[in-house]
């Protein structure tokens, strides 16, 4: 980090915080603070929806995911465009028709206050955890790579978000996310083209793709029906569809973005924009990770990308054993470079040499073996060390190979992404707590100003909670997976409640409430016995299927309970759907 990098980083972040606070200060009432007075145009809705999902975890973990496992993760998003269409046709018109502040307010009108409160609480639990992670993810990696104090990083990111979210609510979130998306997209495109520029002079983009393909990084679609595979076409189009439907259709952090739209049409256009751009954006981020992999076929690469592990080794009795592996990797890197250059030369002559391809694969397998042995040594040196280094790959490249100024810009990208998703999370948590819990249970008549101040207080409260959670968080195998696992555990049940509310007019409140509780407990049990207790890549069920199971189980149970126990015992008049 040079002086110019610091200037770029600090100016970018201060501009976003200052502009968001200045542009949106002085909310007059709760509607203004939560819905932005329904003045948001469709393109701002679209950018805000994209920025909410595109957290720092996306830009830190996704390239590392592609570096290690290739492009297959993009299948996770295959169900998203279909989900956008369903939400535009069903969810948005009903939300606007009923003039709700939050998604869960709809459930009381359709069912009862118990069902509304249950859905709101499930949301608060998972989004509270997720918001803490959006702060923690960039903080732990920035602190490890730059030597910054982790707690200080958590507090800095959290406080910056609290300032403008507390000041302007939904308007502030929407306004700042436009600037944040501009910074994010600019930074990623510049980085991508710089990687291509850094490749050997006689190497074309096509040649780079050939090298990636030879190393199994370009296997985009897997039509396997194996439920143990995390990412397949079928899990993406089903589990991914249900996760996207839950996240964009029932999660207040997203619902709040398009409820602020000028009209139903503007909200729908914003979501369609997201549906059209999200998969290409994720494809591009993954492709950037693959290009980083190709780059490291010609440049020195560490045995483990997490610098903390190097520190652990240097202080341990296993230092010499680790250094021996490093020397082997250095020799292997030289061999890789030679073979790759020969392979490129053959490609330039329009000949895809199968012998050289086999050698490339063999060298990659040897490198993987060395990395696995390094992880074993790190674990012996310190059993608490996180040996998985996927989240550090992209940042290692940024710090060691990008020019002055661009390092500061990429740091701004990562922190901006953290701020954008954290701001949406805090705004949604505050809105849900104030409207669905506090306002629904407070005694006596209260003024608009009272509820406005209560919403602001809950923004501050959840900001502090998120910072505290970030300060005590622990690194998981891959942060982007952890966020999606947390969502998958809760989203299916919540989505099931909404699907029954929208489409099954005869199901009443009591069967709905009990079926949701049974379904959520069942998902906890399935997750524990089929996913949690198994080591990585040995799970008996891909976590995306939890969304599919949770949603369908909730719907099925509600129909069964309605038929068996509550038939002819009306407790809801369903006016909302008439």
Protein backbone atom coordinates (compact mmCIF):
# COMPACT_ATOMS: atom_id res chain seq x y z
CA UNK A 1 0.00 0.00 0.00
CA UNK A 2 1.59 3.23 -1.22
CA UNK A 3 0.45 6.78 -0.35
CA UNK A 4 -1.54 7.00 -3.60
CA UNK A 5 -3.40 3.77 -2.73
CA UNK A 6 -4.35 5.22 0.65
CA UNK A 7 -5.60 8.42 -0.97
CA UNK A 8 -7.76 6.49 -3.49
CA UNK A 9 -9.15 4.23 -0.76
CA UNK A 10 -9.95 6.95 1.79
CA UNK A 11 -11.38 9.47 -0.72
CA UNK A 12 -13.64 6.81 -2.31
CA UNK A 13 -15.06 5.61 0.99
CA UNK A 14 -15.50 9.08 2.52
CA UNK A 15 -17.27 10.27 -0.63
CA UNK A 16 -19.76 7.37 -0.46
CA UNK A 17 -20.49 7.88 3.25
CA UNK A 18 -20.61 11.69 3.01
CA UNK A 19 -22.71 11.78 -0.17
CA UNK A 20 -25.20 9.24 1.19
CA UNK A 21 -25.62 11.15 4.46
CA UNK A 22 -25.89 14.57 2.80
CA UNK A 23 -28.21 13.54 -0.03
CA UNK A 24 -30.78 11.77 2.15
CA UNK A 25 -30.77 13.45 5.54
CA UNK A 26 -34.00 14.53 7.24
CA UNK A 27 -36.55 11.71 6.86
CA UNK A 28 -39.92 13.12 7.94
CA UNK A 29 -41.73 9.87 8.77
CA UNK A 30 -41.53 6.07 8.75
CA UNK A 31 -42.74 5.82 5.15
CA UNK A 32 -39.96 8.15 4.04
CA UNK A 33 -37.32 6.27 6.07
CA UNK A 34 -38.37 2.71 5.10
CA UNK A 35 -39.90 3.14 1.62
CA UNK A 36 -38.07 6.28 0.48
CA UNK A 37 -41.52 7.80 -0.27
CA UNK A 38 -41.74 5.39 -3.22
CA UNK A 39 -39.60 7.67 -5.37
CA UNK A 40 -36.92 5.19 -6.55
CA UNK A 41 -36.62 4.79 -10.37
CA UNK A 42 -36.29 1.32 -11.90
CA UNK A 43 -32.56 1.51 -12.70
CA UNK A 44 -31.76 2.50 -9.10
CA UNK A 45 -33.95 -0.38 -7.89
CA UNK A 46 -32.01 -2.76 -10.18
CA UNK A 47 -28.58 -1.52 -9.09
CA UNK A 48 -29.62 -1.55 -5.43
CA UNK A 49 -30.88 -5.15 -5.69
CA UNK A 50 -27.61 -6.21 -7.34
CA UNK A 51 -25.46 -4.32 -4.82
CA UNK A 52 -27.34 -5.85 -1.88
CA UNK A 53 -26.50 -9.37 -3.06
CA UNK A 54 -23.00 -8.51 -4.31
CA UNK A 55 -21.29 -8.36 -0.91
CA UNK A 56 -17.56 -8.27 -0.31
CA UNK A 57 -17.79 -12.04 0.02
CA UNK A 58 -18.75 -12.18 -3.67
CA UNK A 59 -15.57 -10.40 -4.74
CA UNK A 60 -13.26 -12.16 -2.29
CA UNK A 61 -14.57 -15.74 -2.30
CA UNK A 62 -15.92 -16.21 -5.81
CA UNK A 63 -12.59 -15.74 -7.68
CA UNK A 64 -10.94 -18.08 -5.17
CA UNK A 65 -13.74 -20.59 -5.68
CA UNK A 66 -13.07 -20.50 -9.45
CA UNK A 67 -9.28 -20.70 -8.92
CA UNK A 68 -9.65 -23.98 -7.03
CA UNK A 69 -12.81 -25.55 -8.48
CA UNK A 70 -13.46 -23.85 -11.82
CA UNK A 71 -16.59 -22.29 -13.29
CA UNK A 72 -19.12 -24.81 -11.96
CA UNK A 73 -20.28 -22.46 -9.18
CA UNK A 74 -22.13 -20.36 -11.80
CA UNK A 75 -24.79 -23.12 -11.88
CA UNK A 76 -25.83 -21.88 -8.44
CA UNK A 77 -27.44 -18.87 -10.21
CA UNK A 78 -29.27 -20.70 -13.01
CA UNK A 79 -32.63 -20.56 -11.21
CA UNK A 80 -32.38 -16.83 -10.49
CA UNK A 81 -33.83 -15.41 -13.76
CA UNK A 82 -36.87 -17.70 -13.45
CA UNK A 83 -37.35 -16.58 -9.84
CA UNK A 84 -37.29 -12.93 -10.96
CA UNK A 85 -40.19 -13.58 -13.35
CA UNK A 86 -42.28 -15.32 -10.66
CA UNK A 87 -41.65 -12.47 -8.19
CA UNK A 88 -42.54 -9.84 -10.79
CA UNK A 89 -45.80 -11.59 -11.69
CA UNK A 90 -47.01 -12.53 -8.18
CA UNK A 91 -45.06 -11.03 -5.28
CA UNK A 92 -44.62 -7.39 -6.32
CA UNK A 93 -48.28 -6.70 -7.33
CA UNK A 94 -49.56 -8.13 -4.03
CA UNK A 95 -47.04 -6.23 -1.91
CA UNK A 96 -47.91 -2.94 -3.61
CA UNK A 97 -51.66 -3.64 -3.56
CA UNK A 98 -51.58 -4.13 0.21
CA UNK A 99 -49.29 -1.11 0.80
CA UNK A 100 -46.98 -3.03 3.13
CA UNK A 101 -43.81 -1.66 4.73
CA UNK A 102 -42.29 -5.14 5.05
CA UNK A 103 -42.90 -8.51 3.41
CA UNK A 104 -44.02 -10.02 6.73
CA UNK A 105 -46.79 -7.45 7.18
CA UNK A 106 -48.51 -9.22 4.29
CA UNK A 107 -48.61 -12.47 6.29
CA UNK A 108 -50.73 -11.01 9.08
CA UNK A 109 -53.28 -9.78 6.55
CA UNK A 110 -53.31 -13.22 4.93
CA UNK A 111 -52.97 -15.41 8.05
CA UNK A 112 -52.50 -14.01 11.56
CA UNK A 113 -50.03 -12.21 13.79
CA UNK A 114 -48.36 -15.47 14.95
CA UNK A 115 -47.43 -16.44 11.40
CA UNK A 116 -46.20 -12.93 10.69
CA UNK A 117 -44.06 -12.92 13.84
CA UNK A 118 -42.63 -16.39 13.14
CA UNK A 119 -41.52 -15.41 9.61
CA UNK A 120 -40.11 -12.12 10.89
CA UNK A 121 -38.13 -13.86 13.65
CA UNK A 122 -36.70 -16.45 11.22
CA UNK A 123 -35.64 -13.56 9.01
CA UNK A 124 -34.07 -11.63 11.90
CA UNK A 125 -32.03 -14.66 12.98
CA UNK A 126 -30.57 -15.51 9.59
CA UNK A 127 -30.15 -11.92 8.36
CA UNK A 128 -28.58 -10.89 11.67
CA UNK A 129 -25.97 -13.63 11.19
CA UNK A 130 -25.57 -12.82 7.50
CA UNK A 131 -25.07 -9.08 8.13
CA UNK A 132 -22.35 -9.82 10.66
CA UNK A 133 -20.64 -11.98 8.05
CA UNK A 134 -20.74 -9.23 5.43
CA UNK A 135 -18.64 -7.13 7.80
CA UNK A 136 -16.45 -9.98 9.04
CA UNK A 137 -15.55 -11.43 5.63
CA UNK A 138 -13.56 -8.51 4.24
CA UNK A 139 -12.29 -7.51 7.69
CA UNK A 140 -10.58 -10.84 8.42
CA UNK A 141 -8.91 -10.98 5.02
CA UNK A 142 -7.85 -7.33 5.01
CA UNK A 143 -6.45 -7.70 8.50
CA UNK A 144 -4.53 -10.85 7.57
CA UNK A 145 -3.05 -9.51 4.36
CA UNK A 146 -2.37 -5.92 5.45
CA UNK A 147 -1.55 -6.54 9.09
CA UNK A 148 -4.49 -4.43 10.28
CA UNK A 149 -6.23 -5.19 13.56
CA UNK A 150 -9.32 -7.35 12.90
CA UNK A 151 -11.52 -5.76 15.57
CA UNK A 152 -10.63 -2.26 14.37
CA UNK A 153 -11.49 -3.25 10.77
CA UNK A 154 -14.86 -4.65 11.86
CA UNK A 155 -15.66 -1.44 13.74
CA UNK A 156 -14.54 0.87 10.89
CA UNK A 157 -16.68 -0.89 8.27
CA UNK A 158 -19.67 -1.18 10.64
CA UNK A 159 -19.56 2.44 11.79
CA UNK A 160 -19.30 3.83 8.23
CA UNK A 161 -22.43 1.90 7.27
CA UNK A 162 -24.33 2.89 10.41
CA UNK A 163 -23.66 6.63 9.77
CA UNK A 164 -25.51 6.92 6.46
CA UNK A 165 -28.07 4.15 7.06
CA UNK A 166 -29.08 5.79 10.36
CA UNK A 167 -29.21 9.18 8.64
CA UNK A 168 -31.24 8.41 5.54
CA UNK A 169 -32.70 4.89 5.74
CA UNK A 170 -33.76 3.30 2.45
CA UNK A 171 -32.99 6.42 0.40
CA UNK A 172 -29.42 6.45 1.71
CA UNK A 173 -29.00 2.74 0.95
CA UNK A 174 -30.31 3.17 -2.61
CA UNK A 175 -28.30 6.33 -3.35
CA UNK A 176 -24.98 4.99 -2.04
CA UNK A 177 -25.40 1.65 -3.78
CA UNK A 178 -25.33 3.36 -7.17
CA UNK A 179 -21.86 4.76 -6.41
CA UNK A 180 -20.77 1.47 -4.86
CA UNK A 181 -21.80 -0.54 -7.94
CA UNK A 182 -19.90 1.90 -10.18
CA UNK A 183 -16.75 1.46 -8.06
CA UNK A 184 -17.19 -2.33 -7.95
CA UNK A 185 -17.79 -2.86 -11.67
CA UNK A 186 -15.01 -0.46 -12.71
CA UNK A 187 -12.51 -2.12 -10.39
CA UNK A 188 -13.34 -5.65 -11.55
CA UNK A 189 -13.14 -4.79 -15.26
CA UNK A 190 -9.80 -2.99 -14.86
CA UNK A 191 -8.42 -5.96 -12.91
CA UNK A 192 -9.63 -8.49 -15.49
CA UNK A 193 -7.96 -6.70 -18.40
CA UNK A 194 -4.78 -6.18 -16.39
CA UNK A 195 -4.58 -9.94 -15.79
CA UNK A 196 -4.81 -10.52 -19.54
CA UNK A 197 -2.14 -7.86 -20.07
CA UNK A 198 0.17 -9.62 -17.58
CA UNK A 199 0.02 -12.95 -19.44
CA UNK A 200 2.93 -13.84 -21.77
CA UNK A 201 3.05 -11.61 -24.87
CA UNK A 202 2.32 -14.36 -27.39
CA UNK A 203 -0.66 -15.61 -25.40
CA UNK A 204 -4.19 -14.84 -26.58
CA UNK A 205 -7.38 -14.98 -24.54
CA UNK A 206 -8.26 -18.18 -26.45
CA UNK A 207 -4.96 -19.74 -25.40
CA UNK A 208 -5.67 -18.81 -21.79
CA UNK A 209 -9.06 -20.51 -22.04
CA UNK A 210 -7.37 -23.63 -23.44
CA UNK A 211 -5.00 -23.76 -20.46
CA UNK A 212 -7.93 -23.31 -18.07
CA UNK A 213 -9.85 -26.03 -19.91
CA UNK A 214 -6.88 -28.44 -19.77
CA UNK A 215 -6.96 -28.03 -15.98
CA UNK A 216 -10.73 -28.69 -15.73
CA UNK A 217 -11.54 -25.08 -14.81
CA UNK A 218 -14.04 -24.55 -17.66
CA UNK A 219 -16.52 -27.31 -16.79
CA UNK A 220 -19.47 -24.93 -16.55
CA UNK A 221 -22.48 -27.27 -16.58
CA UNK A 222 -22.82 -30.60 -14.75
CA UNK A 223 -25.96 -32.59 -15.56
CA UNK A 224 -25.25 -35.17 -12.84
CA UNK A 225 -28.19 -36.25 -10.64
CA UNK A 226 -25.88 -37.00 -7.70
CA UNK A 227 -27.42 -35.26 -4.62
CA UNK A 228 -23.97 -35.13 -2.97
CA UNK A 229 -22.69 -32.77 -5.68
CA UNK A 230 -23.01 -29.20 -4.41
CA UNK A 231 -23.33 -27.51 -7.81
CA UNK A 232 -25.12 -29.13 -10.73
CA UNK A 233 -27.52 -27.88 -13.37
CA UNK A 234 -30.39 -29.52 -11.50
CA UNK A 235 -29.51 -28.20 -8.03
CA UNK A 236 -29.12 -24.72 -9.57
CA UNK A 237 -32.38 -24.77 -11.47
CA UNK A 238 -34.34 -26.17 -8.47
CA UNK A 239 -32.53 -25.42 -5.20
CA UNK A 240 -31.06 -22.23 -6.69
CA UNK A 241 -34.50 -21.22 -7.93
CA UNK A 242 -36.07 -21.69 -4.50
CA UNK A 243 -33.18 -19.88 -2.79
CA UNK A 244 -33.49 -16.93 -5.21
CA UNK A 245 -37.29 -16.92 -4.85
CA UNK A 246 -36.89 -16.86 -1.05
CA UNK A 247 -34.11 -14.29 -0.99
CA UNK A 248 -35.52 -11.81 -3.50
CA UNK A 249 -39.18 -12.49 -2.72
CA UNK A 250 -39.31 -12.77 1.08
CA UNK A 251 -36.05 -11.37 2.50
CA UNK A 252 -36.72 -7.80 3.63
CA UNK A 253 -33.17 -6.73 2.67
CA UNK A 254 -34.24 -7.29 -0.96
CA UNK A 255 -37.98 -6.68 -0.69
CA UNK A 256 -37.23 -3.26 0.81
CA UNK A 257 -35.23 -2.34 -2.29
CA UNK A 258 -38.11 -2.76 -4.72
CA UNK A 259 -40.92 -1.72 -2.36
CA UNK A 260 -39.35 1.74 -2.64
CA UNK A 261 -39.97 1.76 -6.41
CA UNK A 262 -42.12 4.51 -7.95
CA UNK A 263 -44.70 1.99 -9.13
CA UNK A 264 -45.30 -1.73 -9.67
CA UNK A 265 -43.86 -1.41 -13.17
CA UNK A 266 -40.69 0.37 -11.97
CA UNK A 267 -40.14 -2.30 -9.28
CA UNK A 268 -40.66 -5.08 -11.84
CA UNK A 269 -38.25 -3.50 -14.33
CA UNK A 270 -35.61 -3.22 -11.60
CA UNK A 271 -35.90 -6.92 -10.79
CA UNK A 272 -35.87 -7.92 -14.47
CA UNK A 273 -32.67 -5.88 -14.84
CA UNK A 274 -31.18 -7.92 -12.01
CA UNK A 275 -32.36 -11.17 -13.61
CA UNK A 276 -30.72 -10.27 -16.92
CA UNK A 277 -27.39 -9.09 -15.45
CA UNK A 278 -26.80 -11.28 -12.39
CA UNK A 279 -25.72 -14.52 -14.10
CA UNK A 280 -23.38 -12.72 -16.57
CA UNK A 281 -21.88 -10.74 -13.65
CA UNK A 282 -21.21 -13.89 -11.63
CA UNK A 283 -19.83 -15.60 -14.73
CA UNK A 284 -17.45 -12.68 -15.22
CA UNK A 285 -16.28 -12.75 -11.58
CA UNK A 286 -15.67 -16.51 -11.80
CA UNK A 287 -13.87 -16.04 -15.12
CA UNK A 288 -11.64 -13.47 -13.40
CA UNK A 289 -10.74 -16.16 -10.86
CA UNK A 290 -9.95 -18.60 -13.67
CA UNK A 291 -7.71 -16.00 -15.34
CA UNK A 292 -5.89 -15.57 -12.00
CA UNK A 293 -5.31 -19.34 -12.10
CA UNK A 294 -3.87 -19.06 -15.62
CA UNK A 295 -1.71 -16.12 -14.51
CA UNK A 296 -0.18 -18.24 -11.76
CA UNK A 297 0.81 -20.90 -14.29
CA UNK A 298 3.55 -18.44 -15.30
CA UNK A 299 4.30 -16.73 -11.99
CA UNK A 300 5.44 -17.77 -8.48
CA UNK A 301 2.64 -19.01 -6.28
CA UNK A 302 2.60 -19.53 -2.48
CA UNK A 303 2.08 -22.96 -0.97
CA UNK A 304 -0.84 -21.55 0.98
CA UNK A 305 -2.42 -18.17 0.18
CA UNK A 306 -3.33 -17.39 3.80
CA UNK A 307 -0.36 -15.38 5.19
CA UNK A 308 -1.34 -16.22 8.78
CA UNK A 309 -0.43 -19.85 8.12
CA UNK A 310 3.07 -18.83 7.02
CA UNK A 311 3.52 -17.04 10.34
CA UNK A 312 2.28 -20.12 12.23
CA UNK A 313 4.76 -22.36 10.36
CA UNK A 314 7.75 -20.08 10.95
CA UNK A 315 7.16 -20.31 14.69
CA UNK A 316 6.71 -24.10 14.72
CA UNK A 317 8.89 -27.20 14.74
CA UNK A 318 7.61 -28.04 11.24
CA UNK A 319 9.34 -25.09 9.57
CA UNK A 320 11.98 -27.15 7.71
CA UNK A 321 9.44 -29.70 6.50
CA UNK A 322 7.28 -26.86 5.12
CA UNK A 323 10.27 -25.16 3.47
CA UNK A 324 11.11 -28.44 1.71
CA UNK A 325 7.60 -28.45 0.22
CA UNK A 326 8.06 -24.82 -0.86
CA UNK A 327 11.24 -25.74 -2.76
CA UNK A 328 9.39 -28.56 -4.51
CA UNK A 329 6.62 -26.13 -5.43
CA UNK A 330 9.16 -23.62 -6.81
CA UNK A 331 10.66 -26.36 -9.01
CA UNK A 332 7.17 -27.45 -10.06
CA UNK A 333 6.26 -23.85 -10.91
CA UNK A 334 9.25 -23.62 -13.25
CA UNK A 335 8.23 -26.88 -14.93
CA UNK A 336 4.64 -25.62 -15.27
CA UNK A 337 5.84 -22.42 -16.91
CA UNK A 338 7.95 -24.31 -19.46
CA UNK A 339 5.19 -26.79 -20.34
CA UNK A 340 2.57 -24.03 -20.58
CA UNK A 341 4.77 -21.96 -22.90
CA UNK A 342 5.30 -25.03 -25.10
CA UNK A 343 1.55 -25.65 -25.07
CA UNK A 344 0.86 -22.04 -26.12
CA UNK A 345 3.39 -22.32 -28.92
CA UNK A 346 1.57 -25.43 -30.20
CA UNK A 347 -1.79 -23.66 -29.90
CA UNK A 348 -0.45 -20.75 -31.96
CA UNK A 349 0.20 -23.34 -34.67
CA UNK A 350 -3.42 -24.53 -34.35
CA UNK A 351 -2.43 -27.79 -32.67
CA UNK A 352 -3.89 -28.76 -29.30
CA UNK A 353 -1.14 -31.18 -28.24
CA UNK A 354 -2.72 -34.02 -26.19
CA UNK A 355 0.65 -35.06 -24.68
CA UNK A 356 1.31 -31.58 -23.35
CA UNK A 357 -2.27 -31.45 -22.07
CA UNK A 358 -1.65 -34.62 -20.05
CA UNK A 359 1.57 -33.14 -18.66
CA UNK A 360 -0.30 -30.00 -17.59
CA UNK A 361 -2.89 -32.09 -15.75
CA UNK A 362 -0.16 -34.21 -14.12
CA UNK A 363 1.68 -31.10 -12.90
CA UNK A 364 -1.55 -29.62 -11.54
CA UNK A 365 -2.23 -32.85 -9.65
CA UNK A 366 1.28 -32.77 -8.19
CA UNK A 367 0.73 -29.18 -7.09
CA UNK A 368 -2.56 -30.16 -5.44
CA UNK A 369 -0.77 -32.97 -3.56
CA UNK A 370 1.86 -30.50 -2.31
CA UNK A 371 -0.85 -28.12 -1.15
CA UNK A 372 -2.68 -30.92 0.67
CA UNK A 373 0.55 -31.93 2.43
CA UNK A 374 1.11 -28.28 3.37
CA UNK A 375 -2.36 -28.14 4.93
CA UNK A 376 -1.56 -31.23 7.00
CA UNK A 377 1.65 -29.60 8.25
CA UNK A 378 -0.19 -26.36 9.10
CA UNK A 379 -2.81 -28.34 11.04
CA UNK A 380 -0.04 -30.14 12.97
CA UNK A 381 1.62 -26.81 13.74
CA UNK A 382 -1.66 -25.31 14.98
CA UNK A 383 -4.87 -27.33 15.02
CA UNK A 384 -6.92 -24.10 15.12
CA UNK A 385 -5.42 -22.72 11.89
CA UNK A 386 -7.72 -22.33 8.89
CA UNK A 387 -5.95 -24.29 6.15
CA UNK A 388 -8.47 -23.51 3.42
CA UNK A 389 -7.17 -20.50 1.52
CA UNK A 390 -9.81 -19.94 -1.18
CA UNK A 391 -10.81 -16.57 0.24
CA UNK A 392 -7.22 -15.27 0.07
CA UNK A 393 -6.35 -16.11 -3.55
CA UNK A 394 -7.72 -13.01 -5.28
CA UNK A 395 -6.46 -10.66 -2.61
CA UNK A 396 -2.96 -12.15 -2.84
CA UNK A 397 -2.96 -11.29 -6.54
CA UNK A 398 -4.24 -7.74 -5.86
CA UNK A 399 -1.55 -6.94 -3.30
CA UNK A 400 1.39 -8.47 -5.13
CA UNK A 401 0.74 -7.72 -8.80
CA UNK A 402 -1.51 -4.68 -9.25
CA UNK A 403 0.04 -1.21 -9.87
CA UNK A 404 -0.09 1.74 -7.45
CA UNK A 405 -3.52 3.30 -7.10
CA UNK A 406 -5.32 0.22 -8.32
CA UNK A 407 -4.63 -1.59 -5.05
CA UNK A 408 -6.45 1.24 -3.27
CA UNK A 409 -9.29 1.04 -5.80
CA UNK A 410 -9.69 -2.73 -5.33
CA UNK A 411 -9.66 -2.31 -1.56
CA UNK A 412 -12.37 0.32 -2.05
CA UNK A 413 -14.29 -2.22 -4.20
CA UNK A 414 -14.17 -4.83 -1.44
CA UNK A 415 -15.06 -2.45 1.39
CA UNK A 416 -17.77 -0.76 -0.75
CA UNK A 417 -19.31 -4.16 -1.45
CA UNK A 418 -19.23 -4.93 2.27
CA UNK A 419 -20.89 -1.60 3.02
CA UNK A 420 -23.61 -2.00 0.38
CA UNK A 421 -24.82 -5.40 1.54
CA UNK A 422 -24.40 -4.50 5.22
CA UNK A 423 -26.44 -1.30 4.75
CA UNK A 424 -29.30 -3.23 3.14
CA UNK A 425 -29.15 -5.79 5.93
CA UNK A 426 -29.26 -3.17 8.69
CA UNK A 427 -32.07 -1.27 6.98
CA UNK A 428 -34.10 -4.49 6.63
CA UNK A 429 -33.40 -5.66 10.19
CA UNK A 430 -34.42 -2.26 11.60
CA UNK A 431 -37.57 -2.08 9.44
CA UNK A 432 -38.67 -5.60 10.37
CA UNK A 433 -37.98 -5.11 14.10
CA UNK A 434 -39.77 -1.75 14.18
CA UNK A 435 -42.80 -2.64 12.02
CA UNK A 436 -43.31 -6.38 12.57
CA UNK A 437 -42.25 -6.73 16.20
CA UNK A 438 -42.20 -3.36 18.02
CA UNK A 439 -45.15 -1.55 16.37
CA UNK A 440 -47.28 -4.71 16.49
CA UNK A 441 -46.79 -5.12 20.26
CA UNK A 442 -46.30 -1.60 21.65
CA UNK A 443 -49.06 -0.38 23.97
CA UNK A 444 -51.06 2.80 23.34
CA UNK A 445 -51.15 5.30 20.51
CA UNK A 446 -47.77 6.50 19.28
CA UNK A 447 -46.89 9.27 16.82
CA UNK A 448 -45.18 8.90 13.44
CA UNK A 449 -42.11 10.58 14.89
CA UNK A 450 -41.99 7.95 17.66
CA UNK A 451 -41.89 5.08 15.16
CA UNK A 452 -39.35 6.94 12.99
CA UNK A 453 -37.04 7.31 15.99
CA UNK A 454 -37.67 3.67 16.95
CA UNK A 455 -36.64 2.54 13.45
CA UNK A 456 -33.48 4.64 13.66
CA UNK A 457 -32.74 3.21 17.11
CA UNK A 458 -33.10 -0.35 15.76
CA UNK A 459 -30.75 0.57 12.90
CA UNK A 460 -28.15 1.52 15.49
CA UNK A 461 -28.95 -1.55 17.61
CA UNK A 462 -28.56 -4.03 14.74
CA UNK A 463 -25.42 -2.24 13.58
CA UNK A 464 -23.83 -2.83 16.96
CA UNK A 465 -25.04 -6.47 16.98
CA UNK A 466 -23.56 -7.05 13.50
CA UNK A 467 -20.22 -5.53 14.56
CA UNK A 468 -20.16 -7.69 17.72
CA UNK A 469 -20.96 -10.82 15.73
CA UNK A 470 -18.24 -9.94 13.22
CA UNK A 471 -15.75 -9.53 16.08
CA UNK A 472 -16.41 -13.06 17.38
CA UNK A 473 -16.93 -14.77 14.01
CA UNK A 474 -14.83 -17.69 12.79
CA UNK A 475 -13.69 -18.39 9.25
CA UNK A 476 -15.53 -21.18 7.50
CA UNK A 477 -14.35 -23.27 4.54
CA UNK A 478 -15.49 -20.65 2.08
CA UNK A 479 -17.34 -17.49 3.11
CA UNK A 480 -19.65 -17.31 0.11
CA UNK A 481 -20.77 -20.86 0.85
CA UNK A 482 -21.35 -20.06 4.53
CA UNK A 483 -23.65 -17.15 3.70
CA UNK A 484 -25.66 -19.32 1.31
CA UNK A 485 -25.79 -22.23 3.78
CA UNK A 486 -27.22 -19.96 6.50
CA UNK A 487 -29.79 -18.67 4.01
CA UNK A 488 -30.67 -22.18 2.80
CA UNK A 489 -31.42 -23.37 6.33
CA UNK A 490 -34.09 -20.69 6.88
CA UNK A 491 -35.26 -19.54 3.46
CA UNK A 492 -37.15 -22.67 2.43
CA UNK A 493 -39.62 -22.52 5.33
CA UNK A 494 -40.22 -18.77 4.94
CA UNK A 495 -40.75 -19.17 1.19
CA UNK A 496 -43.21 -22.01 1.84
CA UNK A 497 -45.29 -19.69 4.06
CA UNK A 498 -45.44 -17.06 1.31
CA UNK A 499 -46.23 -19.59 -1.43
CA UNK A 500 -49.20 -20.88 0.57
CA UNK A 501 -50.26 -17.29 1.24
CA UNK A 502 -50.12 -16.37 -2.44
CA UNK A 503 -51.46 -19.48 -4.14
CA UNK A 504 -53.44 -21.70 -1.71
CA UNK A 505 -56.44 -19.64 -0.66
CA UNK A 506 -58.09 -22.40 1.40
CA UNK A 507 -55.20 -22.94 3.82
CA UNK A 508 -55.87 -21.11 7.08
CA UNK A 509 -53.64 -19.62 9.77
CA UNK A 510 -53.31 -22.49 12.30
CA UNK A 511 -52.24 -25.22 9.85
CA UNK A 512 -49.86 -22.73 8.27
CA UNK A 513 -48.24 -21.81 11.59
CA UNK A 514 -47.76 -25.40 12.78
CA UNK A 515 -46.54 -26.67 9.41
CA UNK A 516 -43.90 -23.90 9.33
CA UNK A 517 -42.59 -24.87 12.78
CA UNK A 518 -42.47 -28.60 11.89
CA UNK A 519 -40.76 -27.82 8.58
CA UNK A 520 -38.08 -25.62 10.17
CA UNK A 521 -37.26 -28.21 12.84
CA UNK A 522 -37.05 -30.88 10.13
CA UNK A 523 -34.61 -28.75 8.10
CA UNK A 524 -32.40 -28.33 11.19
CA UNK A 525 -32.35 -32.13 11.59
CA UNK A 526 -31.61 -32.77 7.89
CA UNK A 527 -28.83 -30.19 7.89
CA UNK A 528 -27.20 -31.67 10.99
CA UNK A 529 -27.31 -35.34 9.97
CA UNK A 530 -26.65 -34.97 6.23
CA UNK A 531 -24.36 -31.91 5.97
CA UNK A 532 -22.95 -30.50 9.21
CA UNK A 533 -21.38 -33.66 10.68
CA UNK A 534 -19.51 -34.51 7.47
CA UNK A 535 -16.16 -33.05 6.32
CA UNK A 536 -16.12 -30.75 3.30
CA UNK A 537 -16.96 -32.44 -0.02
CA UNK A 538 -18.26 -35.54 1.80
CA UNK A 539 -21.71 -34.25 2.68
CA UNK A 540 -24.62 -36.54 1.86
CA UNK A 541 -26.72 -33.70 0.48
CA UNK A 542 -25.85 -30.47 -1.32
CA UNK A 543 -27.01 -27.55 0.85
CA UNK A 544 -28.97 -25.96 -2.03
CA UNK A 545 -31.52 -28.77 -1.73
CA UNK A 546 -32.50 -27.47 1.73
CA UNK A 547 -34.36 -24.60 0.01
CA UNK A 548 -36.30 -27.01 -2.20
CA UNK A 549 -37.09 -29.39 0.68
CA UNK A 550 -38.03 -26.63 3.14
CA UNK A 551 -40.41 -24.84 0.76
CA UNK A 552 -42.16 -27.98 -0.50
CA UNK A 553 -42.37 -29.54 2.97
CA UNK A 554 -44.02 -26.40 4.35
CA UNK A 555 -46.57 -26.31 1.53
CA UNK A 556 -47.33 -30.04 1.75
CA UNK A 557 -47.70 -30.03 5.55
CA UNK A 558 -50.02 -27.01 5.46
CA UNK A 559 -52.33 -28.83 3.03
CA UNK A 560 -52.24 -32.05 5.08
CA UNK A 561 -52.92 -30.29 8.40
CA UNK A 562 -55.67 -28.17 6.84
CA UNK A 563 -57.41 -31.28 5.50
CA UNK A 564 -56.94 -33.49 8.59
CA UNK A 565 -57.45 -31.14 11.53
CA UNK A 566 -58.77 -27.75 10.50
CA UNK A 567 -61.29 -28.46 7.77
CA UNK A 568 -64.45 -26.42 8.33
CA UNK A 569 -62.79 -24.38 11.10
CA UNK A 570 -62.17 -21.04 9.38
CA UNK A 571 -59.72 -18.72 11.05
CA UNK A 572 -58.89 -16.56 8.05
CA UNK A 573 -61.20 -14.92 5.55
CA UNK A 574 -58.44 -14.58 2.90
CA UNK A 575 -59.71 -11.18 1.78
CA UNK A 576 -56.28 -10.35 0.52
CA UNK A 577 -56.55 -12.79 -2.36
CA UNK A 578 -60.12 -12.20 -3.34
